[in-house]
Amino acid sequence: MDSHQPIVDRFRGKVAIVTGGTAGIGLAAAAELVKEGAAVTITGLPQDGNAAADELIELGGDVLCLLGDMADDAFCQQVVSSTIARWERVDLLVNNAFSFLARALDASREDFAYSMDAGPVAFARMIQLVSDPMRKVGGGAVVNISSISGFVAQTGRWTYNAAKGAVNQLTKCAALDLAPDRIRVHS
């Protein structure tokens, strides 16, 4: 039996963006936000489709699902602008979407670039894009989903672990820079 009970209406009137919200940890986070009253934008890759959005709507959620690649800056901008166009605010950002590209000696320059672009660079861009809307509503919260892989060495995982390690440093720096604006940043 699940002892966790959502706090109904905790996020009523709040708007969240959950990247990678069409599956796994992202979908679980989006579902909890919906259960606690938030309107939620979720993102996923085009092949993910809209099934997750339908699942969240069945939970009673007000949901926008956008499909694209977080490594594409135009898509990041679309996610934030579409969210604001629909709800006129952003209060919460869950940076979850990430490329699980685990390469080592076989990694190409492109592998490293994509791991960084789809991971910490996209996280940083999303934080940059939501910071002004969050300031306008008096603050907000950002959660960057990291991994134990950002702290430990693992064989065959140079690309993924380096990108997750970068997320940890990004989170610390962003937390310092955004604290005066009442925007909390955590991982």
C-alpha atoms as a PDB file:
ATOM      1  CA  MET A   1       0.000   0.000   0.000  1.00  0.00           C
ATOM      2  CA  ASP A   2       1.269   3.442  -0.930  1.00  0.00           C
ATOM      3  CA  SER A   3       1.409   5.605   2.192  1.00  0.00           C
ATOM      4  CA  HIS A   4       2.070   8.742   0.154  1.00  0.00           C
ATOM      5  CA  GLN A   5      -0.940  10.994  -0.110  1.00  0.00           C
ATOM      6  CA  PRO A   6      -0.866  14.054  -2.355  1.00  0.00           C
ATOM      7  CA  ILE A   7      -1.468  17.382  -0.705  1.00  0.00           C
ATOM      8  CA  VAL A   8      -4.564  18.420  -2.593  1.00  0.00           C
ATOM      9  CA  ASP A   9      -4.420  21.971  -3.938  1.00  0.00           C
ATOM     10  CA  ARG A  10      -0.835  22.579  -2.741  1.00  0.00           C
ATOM     11  CA  PHE A  11       0.009  23.780  -6.259  1.00  0.00           C
ATOM     12  CA  ARG A  12      -3.439  25.117  -7.232  1.00  0.00           C
ATOM     13  CA  GLY A  13      -2.938  28.164  -9.447  1.00  0.00           C
ATOM     14  CA  LYS A  14       0.691  27.234 -10.137  1.00  0.00           C
ATOM     15  CA  VAL A  15       2.153  26.267 -13.510  1.00  0.00           C
ATOM     16  CA  ALA A  16       4.943  23.743 -13.928  1.00  0.00           C
ATOM     17  CA  ILE A  17       7.115  22.656 -16.831  1.00  0.00           C
ATOM     18  CA  VAL A  18       8.454  19.100 -16.658  1.00  0.00           C
ATOM     19  CA  THR A  19      10.950  18.254 -19.383  1.00  0.00           C
ATOM     20  CA  GLY A  20      11.044  14.575 -20.221  1.00  0.00           C
ATOM     21  CA  GLY A  21       7.586  14.343 -18.684  1.00  0.00           C
ATOM     22  CA  THR A  22       6.308  11.689 -21.060  1.00  0.00           C
ATOM     23  CA  ALA A  23       7.958   8.754 -19.221  1.00  0.00           C
ATOM     24  CA  GLY A  24       9.806   7.593 -16.114  1.00  0.00           C
ATOM     25  CA  ILE A  25      10.818  10.091 -13.450  1.00  0.00           C
ATOM     26  CA  GLY A  26       9.448  13.010 -15.456  1.00  0.00           C
ATOM     27  CA  LEU A  27       6.007  11.445 -15.817  1.00  0.00           C
ATOM     28  CA  ALA A  28       5.953  10.577 -12.108  1.00  0.00           C
ATOM     29  CA  ALA A  29       6.843  14.178 -11.207  1.00  0.00           C
ATOM     30  CA  ALA A  30       4.201  15.558 -13.569  1.00  0.00           C
ATOM     31  CA  ALA A  31       1.579  13.202 -12.124  1.00  0.00           C
ATOM     32  CA  GLU A  32       2.322  14.364  -8.567  1.00  0.00           C
ATOM     33  CA  LEU A  33       2.125  18.007  -9.626  1.00  0.00           C
ATOM     34  CA  VAL A  34      -1.221  17.366 -11.334  1.00  0.00           C
ATOM     35  CA  LYS A  35      -2.561  15.518  -8.264  1.00  0.00           C
ATOM     36  CA  GLU A  36      -1.596  18.523  -6.158  1.00  0.00           C
ATOM     37  CA  GLY A  37      -3.342  21.011  -8.439  1.00  0.00           C
ATOM     38  CA  ALA A  38      -0.713  22.394 -10.835  1.00  0.00           C
ATOM     39  CA  ALA A  39      -1.244  22.983 -14.525  1.00  0.00           C
ATOM     40  CA  VAL A  40       1.624  21.201 -16.276  1.00  0.00           C
ATOM     41  CA  THR A  41       3.500  21.388 -19.545  1.00  0.00           C
ATOM     42  CA  ILE A  42       5.345  18.160 -20.320  1.00  0.00           C
ATOM     43  CA  THR A  43       7.890  17.558 -23.034  1.00  0.00           C
ATOM     44  CA  GLY A  44       9.036  14.425 -24.749  1.00  0.00           C
ATOM     45  CA  LEU A  45      10.626  13.201 -27.940  1.00  0.00           C
ATOM     46  CA  PRO A  46       8.369  13.018 -31.020  1.00  0.00           C
ATOM     47  CA  GLN A  47       8.264   9.216 -30.868  1.00  0.00           C
ATOM     48  CA  ASP A  48       6.871   9.416 -27.310  1.00  0.00           C
ATOM     49  CA  GLY A  49       3.522  10.703 -28.555  1.00  0.00           C
ATOM     50  CA  ASN A  50       0.751  12.065 -26.372  1.00  0.00           C
ATOM     51  CA  ALA A  51      -0.151   9.011 -24.245  1.00  0.00           C
ATOM     52  CA  ALA A  52       1.390  10.574 -21.124  1.00  0.00           C
ATOM     53  CA  ALA A  53      -0.683  13.720 -21.571  1.00  0.00           C
ATOM     54  CA  ASP A  54      -3.825  11.599 -21.822  1.00  0.00           C
ATOM     55  CA  GLU A  55      -2.820   9.796 -18.607  1.00  0.00           C
ATOM     56  CA  LEU A  56      -2.328  13.109 -16.793  1.00  0.00           C
ATOM     57  CA  ILE A  57      -5.616  14.492 -18.104  1.00  0.00           C
ATOM     58  CA  GLU A  58      -7.344  11.364 -16.726  1.00  0.00           C
ATOM     59  CA  LEU A  59      -5.931  12.352 -13.321  1.00  0.00           C
ATOM     60  CA  GLY A  60      -7.788  15.662 -13.732  1.00  0.00           C
ATOM     61  CA  GLY A  61      -4.829  17.667 -14.992  1.00  0.00           C
ATOM     62  CA  ASP A  62      -4.709  20.751 -17.142  1.00  0.00           C
ATOM     63  CA  VAL A  63      -1.881  19.576 -19.398  1.00  0.00           C
ATOM     64  CA  LEU A  64       0.051  20.762 -22.440  1.00  0.00           C
ATOM     65  CA  CYS A  65       2.279  18.221 -24.181  1.00  0.00           C
ATOM     66  CA  LEU A  66       5.018  19.424 -26.537  1.00  0.00           C
ATOM     67  CA  LEU A  67       7.190  17.024 -28.498  1.00  0.00           C
ATOM     68  CA  GLY A  68      10.726  17.873 -29.604  1.00  0.00           C
ATOM     69  CA  ASP A  69      14.394  17.645 -28.685  1.00  0.00           C
ATOM     70  CA  MET A  70      15.638  19.660 -25.714  1.00  0.00           C
ATOM     71  CA  ALA A  71      19.014  19.971 -27.494  1.00  0.00           C
ATOM     72  CA  ASP A  72      17.201  22.305 -29.932  1.00  0.00           C
ATOM     73  CA  ASP A  73      17.202  25.844 -28.522  1.00  0.00           C
ATOM     74  CA  ALA A  74      14.161  26.794 -30.605  1.00  0.00           C
ATOM     75  CA  PHE A  75      12.236  23.960 -28.944  1.00  0.00           C
ATOM     76  CA  CYS A  76      13.277  25.167 -25.469  1.00  0.00           C
ATOM     77  CA  GLN A  77      11.990  28.630 -26.365  1.00  0.00           C
ATOM     78  CA  GLN A  78       8.748  27.125 -27.711  1.00  0.00           C
ATOM     79  CA  VAL A  79       8.162  25.217 -24.476  1.00  0.00           C
ATOM     80  CA  VAL A  80       8.381  28.360 -22.356  1.00  0.00           C
ATOM     81  CA  SER A  81       6.487  30.641 -24.749  1.00  0.00           C
ATOM     82  CA  SER A  82       3.681  28.081 -25.238  1.00  0.00           C
ATOM     83  CA  THR A  83       3.366  27.628 -21.481  1.00  0.00           C
ATOM     84  CA  ILE A  84       3.120  31.384 -20.920  1.00  0.00           C
ATOM     85  CA  ALA A  85       0.694  31.785 -23.825  1.00  0.00           C
ATOM     86  CA  ARG A  86      -1.610  29.183 -22.258  1.00  0.00           C
ATOM     87  CA  TRP A  87      -1.394  30.050 -18.538  1.00  0.00           C
ATOM     88  CA  GLU A  88       0.397  33.441 -18.411  1.00  0.00           C
ATOM     89  CA  ARG A  89       2.965  32.257 -15.859  1.00  0.00           C
ATOM     90  CA  VAL A  90       5.634  29.722 -14.897  1.00  0.00           C
ATOM     91  CA  ASP A  91       6.185  28.830 -11.236  1.00  0.00           C
ATOM     92  CA  LEU A  92       8.052  25.528 -11.346  1.00  0.00           C
ATOM     93  CA  LEU A  93      10.571  23.912 -13.674  1.00  0.00           C
ATOM     94  CA  VAL A  94      11.622  20.285 -13.442  1.00  0.00           C
ATOM     95  CA  ASN A  95      14.627  19.791 -15.733  1.00  0.00           C
ATOM     96  CA  ASN A  96      14.492  16.046 -16.286  1.00  0.00           C
ATOM     97  CA  ALA A  97      14.952  15.308 -20.020  1.00  0.00           C
ATOM     98  CA  PHE A  98      18.402  13.890 -20.641  1.00  0.00           C
ATOM     99  CA  SER A  99      20.215  11.827 -23.237  1.00  0.00           C
ATOM    100  CA  PHE A 100      21.404   8.480 -21.915  1.00  0.00           C
ATOM    101  CA  LEU A 101      24.330   8.302 -24.294  1.00  0.00           C
ATOM    102  CA  ALA A 102      26.932   6.187 -22.499  1.00  0.00           C
ATOM    103  CA  ARG A 103      30.154   6.121 -24.458  1.00  0.00           C
ATOM    104  CA  ALA A 104      33.829   6.116 -23.444  1.00  0.00           C
ATOM    105  CA  LEU A 105      36.845   5.432 -25.627  1.00  0.00           C
ATOM    106  CA  ASP A 106      34.450   5.052 -28.545  1.00  0.00           C
ATOM    107  CA  ALA A 107      32.854   8.496 -27.971  1.00  0.00           C
ATOM    108  CA  SER A 108      33.005  10.969 -30.816  1.00  0.00           C
ATOM    109  CA  ARG A 109      33.127  14.740 -30.436  1.00  0.00           C
ATOM    110  CA  GLU A 110      29.494  14.722 -31.565  1.00  0.00           C
ATOM    111  CA  ASP A 111      28.586  12.252 -28.787  1.00  0.00           C
ATOM    112  CA  PHE A 112      30.048  14.584 -26.165  1.00  0.00           C
ATOM    113  CA  ALA A 113      28.403  17.624 -27.748  1.00  0.00           C
ATOM    114  CA  TYR A 114      24.972  15.993 -27.848  1.00  0.00           C
ATOM    115  CA  SER A 115      25.259  14.728 -24.261  1.00  0.00           C
ATOM    116  CA  MET A 116      25.986  18.268 -23.125  1.00  0.00           C
ATOM    117  CA  ASP A 117      23.438  19.983 -25.407  1.00  0.00           C
ATOM    118  CA  ALA A 118      20.539  17.687 -24.481  1.00  0.00           C
ATOM    119  CA  GLY A 119      21.534  17.727 -20.803  1.00  0.00           C
ATOM    120  CA  PRO A 120      23.223  20.566 -18.910  1.00  0.00           C
ATOM    121  CA  VAL A 121      23.045  23.101 -21.750  1.00  0.00           C
ATOM    122  CA  ALA A 122      19.305  22.504 -22.143  1.00  0.00           C
ATOM    123  CA  PHE A 123      18.886  22.688 -18.347  1.00  0.00           C
ATOM    124  CA  ALA A 124      20.721  26.030 -18.334  1.00  0.00           C
ATOM    125  CA  ARG A 125      18.699  27.412 -21.240  1.00  0.00           C
ATOM    126  CA  MET A 126      15.433  26.428 -19.592  1.00  0.00           C
ATOM    127  CA  ILE A 127      16.494  28.132 -16.358  1.00  0.00           C
ATOM    128  CA  GLN A 128      17.414  31.259 -18.313  1.00  0.00           C
ATOM    129  CA  LEU A 129      14.096  31.219 -20.161  1.00  0.00           C
ATOM    130  CA  VAL A 130      11.896  30.776 -17.055  1.00  0.00           C
ATOM    131  CA  SER A 131      13.748  33.136 -14.745  1.00  0.00           C
ATOM    132  CA  ASP A 132      12.007  36.342 -15.958  1.00  0.00           C
ATOM    133  CA  PRO A 133       8.508  34.793 -15.846  1.00  0.00           C
ATOM    134  CA  MET A 134       9.267  33.497 -12.341  1.00  0.00           C
ATOM    135  CA  ARG A 135      10.463  36.926 -11.215  1.00  0.00           C
ATOM    136  CA  LYS A 136       7.173  38.395 -12.451  1.00  0.00           C
ATOM    137  CA  VAL A 137       5.197  36.094 -10.142  1.00  0.00           C
ATOM    138  CA  GLY A 138       7.437  36.735  -7.140  1.00  0.00           C
ATOM    139  CA  GLY A 139       9.727  33.710  -7.412  1.00  0.00           C
ATOM    140  CA  GLY A 140       9.672  30.050  -8.234  1.00  0.00           C
ATOM    141  CA  ALA A 141      11.481  26.756  -8.031  1.00  0.00           C
ATOM    142  CA  VAL A 142      13.760  24.784 -10.315  1.00  0.00           C
ATOM    143  CA  VAL A 143      14.602  21.132  -9.780  1.00  0.00           C
ATOM    144  CA  ASN A 144      17.421  19.703 -11.874  1.00  0.00           C
ATOM    145  CA  ILE A 145      17.291  15.915 -11.983  1.00  0.00           C
ATOM    146  CA  SER A 146      20.805  14.571 -11.652  1.00  0.00           C
ATOM    147  CA  SER A 147      22.133  11.089 -10.953  1.00  0.00           C
ATOM    148  CA  ILE A 148      24.616   9.215  -8.830  1.00  0.00           C
ATOM    149  CA  SER A 149      26.521   9.064 -12.135  1.00  0.00           C
ATOM    150  CA  GLY A 150      27.353  12.727 -11.674  1.00  0.00           C
ATOM    151  CA  PHE A 151      29.326  11.862  -8.536  1.00  0.00           C
ATOM    152  CA  VAL A 152      30.922   8.459  -9.176  1.00  0.00           C
ATOM    153  CA  ALA A 153      33.116   6.997 -11.884  1.00  0.00           C
ATOM    154  CA  GLN A 154      31.657   4.185 -13.972  1.00  0.00           C
ATOM    155  CA  THR A 155      33.228   2.243 -16.805  1.00  0.00           C
ATOM    156  CA  GLY A 156      32.050   3.007 -20.301  1.00  0.00           C
ATOM    157  CA  ARG A 157      30.139   6.170 -19.345  1.00  0.00           C
ATOM    158  CA  TRP A 158      32.321   9.204 -20.041  1.00  0.00           C
ATOM    159  CA  THR A 159      29.641  11.100 -21.948  1.00  0.00           C
ATOM    160  CA  TYR A 160      26.733  10.541 -19.568  1.00  0.00           C
ATOM    161  CA  ASN A 161      28.671  10.944 -16.323  1.00  0.00           C
ATOM    162  CA  ALA A 162      30.438  14.098 -17.487  1.00  0.00           C
ATOM    163  CA  ALA A 163      27.095  15.636 -18.455  1.00  0.00           C
ATOM    164  CA  LYS A 164      25.478  14.684 -15.124  1.00  0.00           C
ATOM    165  CA  GLY A 165      28.491  16.124 -13.260  1.00  0.00           C
ATOM    166  CA  ALA A 166      27.992  19.368 -15.164  1.00  0.00           C
ATOM    167  CA  VAL A 167      24.360  19.440 -13.998  1.00  0.00           C
ATOM    168  CA  ASN A 168      25.534  19.353 -10.397  1.00  0.00           C
ATOM    169  CA  GLN A 169      27.806  22.392 -10.861  1.00  0.00           C
ATOM    170  CA  LEU A 170      25.164  24.233 -12.911  1.00  0.00           C
ATOM    171  CA  THR A 171      22.670  23.703 -10.088  1.00  0.00           C
ATOM    172  CA  LYS A 172      25.013  25.145  -7.467  1.00  0.00           C
ATOM    173  CA  CYS A 173      25.889  28.198  -9.570  1.00  0.00           C
ATOM    174  CA  ALA A 174      22.287  28.886 -10.601  1.00  0.00           C
ATOM    175  CA  ALA A 175      21.159  28.587  -6.973  1.00  0.00           C
ATOM    176  CA  LEU A 176      23.598  31.326  -5.965  1.00  0.00           C
ATOM    177  CA  ASP A 177      22.671  33.619  -8.853  1.00  0.00           C
ATOM    178  CA  LEU A 178      18.893  33.249  -8.549  1.00  0.00           C
ATOM    179  CA  ALA A 179      18.506  33.298  -4.756  1.00  0.00           C
ATOM    180  CA  PRO A 180      18.085  37.103  -4.647  1.00  0.00           C
ATOM    181  CA  ASP A 181      15.141  36.711  -7.052  1.00  0.00           C
ATOM    182  CA  ARG A 182      13.413  34.185  -4.763  1.00  0.00           C
ATOM    183  CA  ILE A 183      13.968  31.437  -7.309  1.00  0.00           C
ATOM    184  CA  ARG A 184      15.151  28.285  -5.561  1.00  0.00           C
ATOM    185  CA  VAL A 185      17.313  25.880  -7.540  1.00  0.00           C
ATOM    186  CA  HIS A 186      17.912  22.310  -6.362  1.00  0.00           C
ATOM    187  CA  SER A 187      18.982  18.957  -7.739  1.00  0.00           C
END
